[in-house]
Amino acid sequence: MKVEEIMKRAIAVEEIKLKEAAEIMSEKRVGSLIIMRGENIVGIITERDVLKNVGRLNEKISKIMSKDVITISPDSSLDDAAKTMTENEIKRLPVVEKGKLVGIITATDLIANSDALNENFFLED
């Protein structure tokens, strides 16, 4: 099974304050936002980032977001997505095609589709 078969729509924003990010995440019922500068991904902010920085709600998200965002292509396998998440200790992977953000896949998505993962994946170190 391919990433494109289970990916969801990613919510992307430009530079905003952490409070605004939290409001958008709550309103849209998502656990992360992709931060863009033009067409380029410059960061990701998660609900955990919001909770860890609740005293900094008026700061710009660029001061809090994770930079050097790891991405995956829509034609990658779910096994590749799971391996990438495991190796990098992350729970969300923006999906990028030809340099453009097209979606996001999460660890929850992988668990929901675990029957499609190669059973050997769970036996690897």
N, C-alpha and C. Protein backbone atom coordinates (compact mmCIF):
# COMPACT_ATOMS: atom_id res chain seq x y z
N MET A 1 0.85 -1.18 0.00
CA MET A 1 0.00 0.00 0.00
C MET A 1 0.90 1.24 0.00
N LYS A 2 0.46 2.26 -0.70
CA LYS A 2 1.22 3.49 -0.86
C LYS A 2 0.72 4.59 0.10
N VAL A 3 1.61 5.51 0.42
CA VAL A 3 1.30 6.64 1.28
C VAL A 3 0.10 7.41 0.75
N GLU A 4 0.05 7.64 -0.57
CA GLU A 4 -1.04 8.44 -1.16
C GLU A 4 -2.42 7.83 -0.91
N GLU A 5 -2.48 6.54 -0.63
CA GLU A 5 -3.76 5.88 -0.41
C GLU A 5 -4.37 6.20 0.95
N ILE A 6 -3.54 6.61 1.91
CA ILE A 6 -4.06 6.86 3.25
C ILE A 6 -3.76 8.27 3.78
N MET A 7 -2.98 9.05 3.03
CA MET A 7 -2.62 10.39 3.52
C MET A 7 -3.86 11.26 3.66
N LYS A 8 -3.73 12.23 4.54
CA LYS A 8 -4.81 13.18 4.78
C LYS A 8 -4.37 14.56 4.28
N ARG A 9 -5.31 15.47 4.25
CA ARG A 9 -5.00 16.84 3.85
C ARG A 9 -4.21 17.51 4.96
N ALA A 10 -3.12 18.13 4.60
CA ALA A 10 -2.30 18.85 5.57
C ALA A 10 -2.81 20.29 5.68
N ILE A 11 -2.76 20.83 6.88
CA ILE A 11 -3.12 22.22 7.09
C ILE A 11 -1.82 23.02 7.15
N ALA A 12 -1.69 23.94 6.23
CA ALA A 12 -0.47 24.75 6.13
C ALA A 12 -0.77 26.20 6.48
N VAL A 13 0.18 26.83 7.16
CA VAL A 13 0.06 28.24 7.54
C VAL A 13 1.37 28.95 7.27
N GLU A 14 1.30 30.25 7.20
CA GLU A 14 2.51 31.08 7.14
C GLU A 14 2.86 31.44 8.58
N GLU A 15 3.73 32.38 8.78
CA GLU A 15 4.14 32.80 10.12
C GLU A 15 2.95 33.38 10.90
N ILE A 16 2.65 32.78 12.03
CA ILE A 16 1.59 33.25 12.93
C ILE A 16 2.07 33.08 14.36
N LYS A 17 1.30 33.54 15.30
CA LYS A 17 1.63 33.36 16.71
C LYS A 17 1.18 31.97 17.17
N LEU A 18 1.83 31.49 18.23
CA LEU A 18 1.52 30.16 18.75
C LEU A 18 0.05 30.05 19.15
N LYS A 19 -0.51 31.10 19.71
CA LYS A 19 -1.92 31.09 20.11
C LYS A 19 -2.81 30.84 18.90
N GLU A 20 -2.52 31.51 17.79
CA GLU A 20 -3.30 31.32 16.57
C GLU A 20 -3.15 29.89 16.06
N ALA A 21 -1.94 29.36 16.14
CA ALA A 21 -1.71 27.97 15.72
C ALA A 21 -2.56 27.01 16.54
N ALA A 22 -2.59 27.22 17.85
CA ALA A 22 -3.38 26.36 18.74
C ALA A 22 -4.87 26.45 18.39
N GLU A 23 -5.33 27.65 18.10
CA GLU A 23 -6.74 27.83 17.73
C GLU A 23 -7.08 27.12 16.42
N ILE A 24 -6.20 27.22 15.45
CA ILE A 24 -6.42 26.55 14.16
C ILE A 24 -6.43 25.03 14.35
N MET A 25 -5.47 24.52 15.11
CA MET A 25 -5.40 23.08 15.34
C MET A 25 -6.67 22.59 16.04
N SER A 26 -7.15 23.35 17.00
CA SER A 26 -8.37 22.98 17.72
C SER A 26 -9.58 23.02 16.79
N GLU A 27 -9.70 24.10 16.04
CA GLU A 27 -10.83 24.27 15.12
C GLU A 27 -10.86 23.19 14.03
N LYS A 28 -9.69 22.88 13.47
CA LYS A 28 -9.61 21.91 12.38
C LYS A 28 -9.48 20.48 12.87
N ARG A 29 -9.30 20.33 14.20
CA ARG A 29 -9.14 19.00 14.82
C ARG A 29 -7.97 18.24 14.23
N VAL A 30 -6.80 18.93 14.19
CA VAL A 30 -5.58 18.31 13.70
C VAL A 30 -4.50 18.43 14.77
N GLY A 31 -3.52 17.55 14.70
CA GLY A 31 -2.45 17.53 15.69
C GLY A 31 -1.19 18.26 15.27
N SER A 32 -1.22 18.86 14.08
CA SER A 32 -0.03 19.58 13.63
C SER A 32 -0.40 20.55 12.52
N LEU A 33 0.50 21.51 12.33
CA LEU A 33 0.40 22.45 11.21
C LEU A 33 1.75 22.47 10.50
N ILE A 34 1.70 22.57 9.20
CA ILE A 34 2.92 22.71 8.40
C ILE A 34 3.13 24.20 8.18
N ILE A 35 4.34 24.67 8.48
CA ILE A 35 4.64 26.08 8.33
C ILE A 35 5.34 26.28 6.99
N MET A 36 4.77 27.20 6.20
CA MET A 36 5.26 27.45 4.85
C MET A 36 5.81 28.86 4.74
N ARG A 37 6.76 29.01 3.85
CA ARG A 37 7.21 30.33 3.41
C ARG A 37 7.12 30.25 1.90
N GLY A 38 6.07 30.84 1.36
CA GLY A 38 5.79 30.68 -0.06
C GLY A 38 5.38 29.24 -0.32
N GLU A 39 6.08 28.58 -1.23
CA GLU A 39 5.80 27.17 -1.56
C GLU A 39 6.68 26.20 -0.77
N ASN A 40 7.56 26.72 0.09
CA ASN A 40 8.53 25.89 0.79
C ASN A 40 8.11 25.58 2.23
N ILE A 41 8.28 24.33 2.61
CA ILE A 41 8.05 23.92 3.99
C ILE A 41 9.25 24.40 4.81
N VAL A 42 8.98 25.16 5.86
CA VAL A 42 10.06 25.65 6.71
C VAL A 42 9.98 25.09 8.12
N GLY A 43 8.85 24.44 8.45
CA GLY A 43 8.73 23.87 9.79
C GLY A 43 7.43 23.13 9.99
N ILE A 44 7.34 22.53 11.18
CA ILE A 44 6.12 21.85 11.60
C ILE A 44 5.94 22.14 13.08
N ILE A 45 4.71 22.33 13.48
CA ILE A 45 4.40 22.53 14.89
C ILE A 45 3.32 21.53 15.26
N THR A 46 3.47 20.92 16.42
CA THR A 46 2.55 19.88 16.86
C THR A 46 1.84 20.30 18.14
N GLU A 47 0.80 19.55 18.49
CA GLU A 47 0.09 19.84 19.73
C GLU A 47 1.02 19.72 20.94
N ARG A 48 1.99 18.84 20.86
CA ARG A 48 2.95 18.72 21.94
C ARG A 48 3.79 19.99 22.07
N ASP A 49 4.19 20.57 20.94
CA ASP A 49 4.92 21.84 20.95
C ASP A 49 4.09 22.92 21.63
N VAL A 50 2.80 22.95 21.35
CA VAL A 50 1.91 23.95 21.95
C VAL A 50 1.87 23.76 23.46
N LEU A 51 1.68 22.53 23.89
CA LEU A 51 1.60 22.25 25.33
C LEU A 51 2.90 22.58 26.06
N LYS A 52 4.03 22.27 25.44
CA LYS A 52 5.33 22.55 26.05
C LYS A 52 5.63 24.04 26.12
N ASN A 53 4.94 24.83 25.30
CA ASN A 53 5.23 26.26 25.21
C ASN A 53 4.01 27.11 25.53
N VAL A 54 3.14 26.62 26.39
CA VAL A 54 1.89 27.32 26.68
C VAL A 54 2.14 28.71 27.27
N GLY A 55 3.27 28.93 27.90
CA GLY A 55 3.60 30.25 28.43
C GLY A 55 4.12 31.21 27.38
N ARG A 56 4.25 30.74 26.14
CA ARG A 56 4.81 31.56 25.06
C ARG A 56 3.79 31.76 23.92
N LEU A 57 2.52 31.82 24.27
CA LEU A 57 1.46 31.87 23.26
C LEU A 57 1.52 33.08 22.34
N ASN A 58 2.16 34.16 22.77
CA ASN A 58 2.24 35.35 21.92
C ASN A 58 3.49 35.38 21.05
N GLU A 59 4.31 34.34 21.13
CA GLU A 59 5.51 34.29 20.29
C GLU A 59 5.17 33.73 18.91
N LYS A 60 5.98 34.08 17.94
CA LYS A 60 5.80 33.56 16.59
C LYS A 60 6.20 32.08 16.57
N ILE A 61 5.49 31.32 15.75
CA ILE A 61 5.76 29.88 15.72
C ILE A 61 7.13 29.54 15.18
N SER A 62 7.74 30.46 14.44
CA SER A 62 9.08 30.18 13.91
C SER A 62 10.10 30.00 15.03
N LYS A 63 9.81 30.51 16.22
CA LYS A 63 10.72 30.36 17.35
C LYS A 63 10.53 29.02 18.05
N ILE A 64 9.43 28.34 17.76
CA ILE A 64 9.06 27.11 18.48
C ILE A 64 9.03 25.89 17.56
N MET A 65 8.72 26.09 16.31
CA MET A 65 8.53 24.98 15.36
C MET A 65 9.79 24.14 15.19
N SER A 66 9.59 22.90 14.78
CA SER A 66 10.70 22.04 14.40
C SER A 66 11.07 22.40 12.97
N LYS A 67 12.36 22.57 12.75
CA LYS A 67 12.84 22.91 11.41
C LYS A 67 13.41 21.65 10.76
N ASP A 68 13.94 21.75 9.58
CA ASP A 68 14.50 20.59 8.88
C ASP A 68 13.49 19.45 8.85
N VAL A 69 12.32 19.74 8.33
CA VAL A 69 11.21 18.80 8.31
C VAL A 69 11.51 17.64 7.36
N ILE A 70 11.32 16.44 7.86
CA ILE A 70 11.49 15.23 7.06
C ILE A 70 10.17 14.98 6.34
N THR A 71 10.26 14.69 5.05
CA THR A 71 9.06 14.47 4.24
C THR A 71 9.15 13.11 3.54
N ILE A 72 8.06 12.76 2.89
CA ILE A 72 8.00 11.50 2.14
C ILE A 72 7.18 11.74 0.88
N SER A 73 7.41 10.92 -0.13
CA SER A 73 6.66 11.08 -1.38
C SER A 73 5.39 10.23 -1.34
N PRO A 74 4.38 10.63 -2.10
CA PRO A 74 3.11 9.90 -2.08
C PRO A 74 3.21 8.48 -2.62
N ASP A 75 4.21 8.19 -3.45
CA ASP A 75 4.33 6.85 -4.00
C ASP A 75 5.21 5.93 -3.13
N SER A 76 5.64 6.43 -1.98
CA SER A 76 6.40 5.58 -1.04
C SER A 76 5.47 4.57 -0.39
N SER A 77 6.03 3.47 0.03
CA SER A 77 5.23 2.44 0.69
C SER A 77 4.98 2.81 2.15
N LEU A 78 3.97 2.20 2.74
CA LEU A 78 3.70 2.41 4.16
C LEU A 78 4.87 1.90 4.99
N ASP A 79 5.54 0.84 4.53
CA ASP A 79 6.71 0.33 5.23
C ASP A 79 7.80 1.41 5.28
N ASP A 80 8.01 2.10 4.16
CA ASP A 80 9.00 3.19 4.13
C ASP A 80 8.62 4.31 5.09
N ALA A 81 7.34 4.64 5.14
CA ALA A 81 6.87 5.69 6.05
C ALA A 81 7.10 5.27 7.50
N ALA A 82 6.76 4.03 7.83
CA ALA A 82 6.95 3.54 9.20
C ALA A 82 8.42 3.53 9.57
N LYS A 83 9.26 3.11 8.66
CA LYS A 83 10.70 3.07 8.91
C LYS A 83 11.25 4.48 9.12
N THR A 84 10.83 5.41 8.28
CA THR A 84 11.28 6.80 8.40
C THR A 84 10.86 7.39 9.73
N MET A 85 9.62 7.15 10.13
CA MET A 85 9.14 7.67 11.42
C MET A 85 9.92 7.06 12.58
N THR A 86 10.16 5.77 12.51
CA THR A 86 10.88 5.08 13.58
C THR A 86 12.32 5.58 13.68
N GLU A 87 13.00 5.64 12.56
CA GLU A 87 14.41 6.06 12.55
C GLU A 87 14.59 7.49 13.04
N ASN A 88 13.62 8.35 12.75
CA ASN A 88 13.73 9.76 13.10
C ASN A 88 12.94 10.15 14.35
N GLU A 89 12.30 9.14 14.96
CA GLU A 89 11.50 9.34 16.18
C GLU A 89 10.50 10.48 16.01
N ILE A 90 9.73 10.39 14.93
CA ILE A 90 8.68 11.38 14.65
C ILE A 90 7.36 10.67 14.42
N LYS A 91 6.27 11.41 14.55
CA LYS A 91 4.93 10.83 14.42
C LYS A 91 4.16 11.36 13.23
N ARG A 92 4.75 12.34 12.53
CA ARG A 92 4.06 12.95 11.39
C ARG A 92 5.03 13.16 10.25
N LEU A 93 4.57 12.86 9.04
CA LEU A 93 5.39 13.04 7.84
C LEU A 93 4.60 13.81 6.79
N PRO A 94 5.00 15.04 6.50
CA PRO A 94 4.37 15.73 5.38
C PRO A 94 4.68 14.97 4.08
N VAL A 95 3.71 14.93 3.20
CA VAL A 95 3.86 14.24 1.92
C VAL A 95 4.08 15.31 0.85
N VAL A 96 5.19 15.16 0.11
CA VAL A 96 5.60 16.15 -0.88
C VAL A 96 5.78 15.48 -2.24
N GLU A 97 5.20 16.12 -3.27
CA GLU A 97 5.34 15.63 -4.64
C GLU A 97 5.82 16.78 -5.51
N LYS A 98 6.94 16.57 -6.18
CA LYS A 98 7.54 17.59 -7.05
C LYS A 98 7.71 18.92 -6.30
N GLY A 99 8.15 18.82 -5.05
CA GLY A 99 8.41 20.00 -4.25
C GLY A 99 7.19 20.67 -3.65
N LYS A 100 6.01 20.09 -3.85
CA LYS A 100 4.77 20.69 -3.36
C LYS A 100 4.12 19.83 -2.28
N LEU A 101 3.68 20.47 -1.20
CA LEU A 101 2.98 19.78 -0.13
C LEU A 101 1.65 19.26 -0.64
N VAL A 102 1.42 17.94 -0.51
CA VAL A 102 0.17 17.36 -1.00
C VAL A 102 -0.63 16.64 0.08
N GLY A 103 -0.05 16.49 1.28
CA GLY A 103 -0.77 15.80 2.34
C GLY A 103 0.13 15.55 3.54
N ILE A 104 -0.38 14.72 4.45
CA ILE A 104 0.39 14.33 5.63
C ILE A 104 -0.03 12.92 6.03
N ILE A 105 0.90 12.19 6.58
CA ILE A 105 0.63 10.86 7.10
C ILE A 105 1.14 10.83 8.54
N THR A 106 0.37 10.19 9.41
CA THR A 106 0.72 10.16 10.82
C THR A 106 0.90 8.72 11.31
N ALA A 107 1.49 8.59 12.47
CA ALA A 107 1.65 7.27 13.08
C ALA A 107 0.28 6.63 13.29
N THR A 108 -0.71 7.42 13.62
CA THR A 108 -2.07 6.90 13.80
C THR A 108 -2.59 6.32 12.49
N ASP A 109 -2.29 6.97 11.37
CA ASP A 109 -2.70 6.45 10.06
C ASP A 109 -2.05 5.08 9.81
N LEU A 110 -0.78 4.96 10.18
CA LEU A 110 -0.08 3.69 9.99
C LEU A 110 -0.68 2.58 10.85
N ILE A 111 -0.99 2.91 12.09
CA ILE A 111 -1.58 1.92 12.99
C ILE A 111 -2.94 1.47 12.43
N ALA A 112 -3.72 2.42 11.95
CA ALA A 112 -5.03 2.08 11.39
C ALA A 112 -4.93 1.19 10.16
N ASN A 113 -3.76 1.23 9.51
CA ASN A 113 -3.55 0.42 8.30
C ASN A 113 -2.42 -0.58 8.50
N SER A 114 -2.21 -1.01 9.72
CA SER A 114 -1.09 -1.89 10.04
C SER A 114 -1.15 -3.23 9.32
N ASP A 115 -2.34 -3.64 8.91
CA ASP A 115 -2.44 -4.89 8.17
C ASP A 115 -1.74 -4.80 6.81
N ALA A 116 -1.49 -3.58 6.33
CA ALA A 116 -0.82 -3.39 5.05
C ALA A 116 0.70 -3.32 5.20
N LEU A 117 1.18 -3.26 6.44
CA LEU A 117 2.63 -3.21 6.66
C LEU A 117 3.22 -4.60 6.50
N ASN A 118 4.43 -4.65 6.01
CA ASN A 118 5.17 -5.90 5.87
C ASN A 118 5.37 -6.47 7.28
N GLU A 119 4.97 -7.69 7.51
CA GLU A 119 5.10 -8.24 8.87
C GLU A 119 6.53 -8.30 9.35
N ASN A 120 7.51 -8.32 8.44
CA ASN A 120 8.90 -8.33 8.84
C ASN A 120 9.32 -6.99 9.46
N PHE A 121 8.57 -5.93 9.15
CA PHE A 121 8.90 -4.63 9.71
C PHE A 121 8.95 -4.68 11.24
N PHE A 122 8.02 -5.42 11.81
CA PHE A 122 7.93 -5.48 13.27
C PHE A 122 9.01 -6.33 13.89
N LEU A 123 9.75 -7.08 13.09
CA LEU A 123 10.80 -7.95 13.60
C LEU A 123 12.17 -7.34 13.48
N GLU A 124 12.29 -6.22 12.77
CA GLU A 124 13.59 -5.58 12.55
C GLU A 124 14.03 -4.85 13.81
N ASP A 125 15.35 -4.67 13.92
CA ASP A 125 15.91 -3.92 15.04
C ASP A 125 15.91 -2.45 14.75
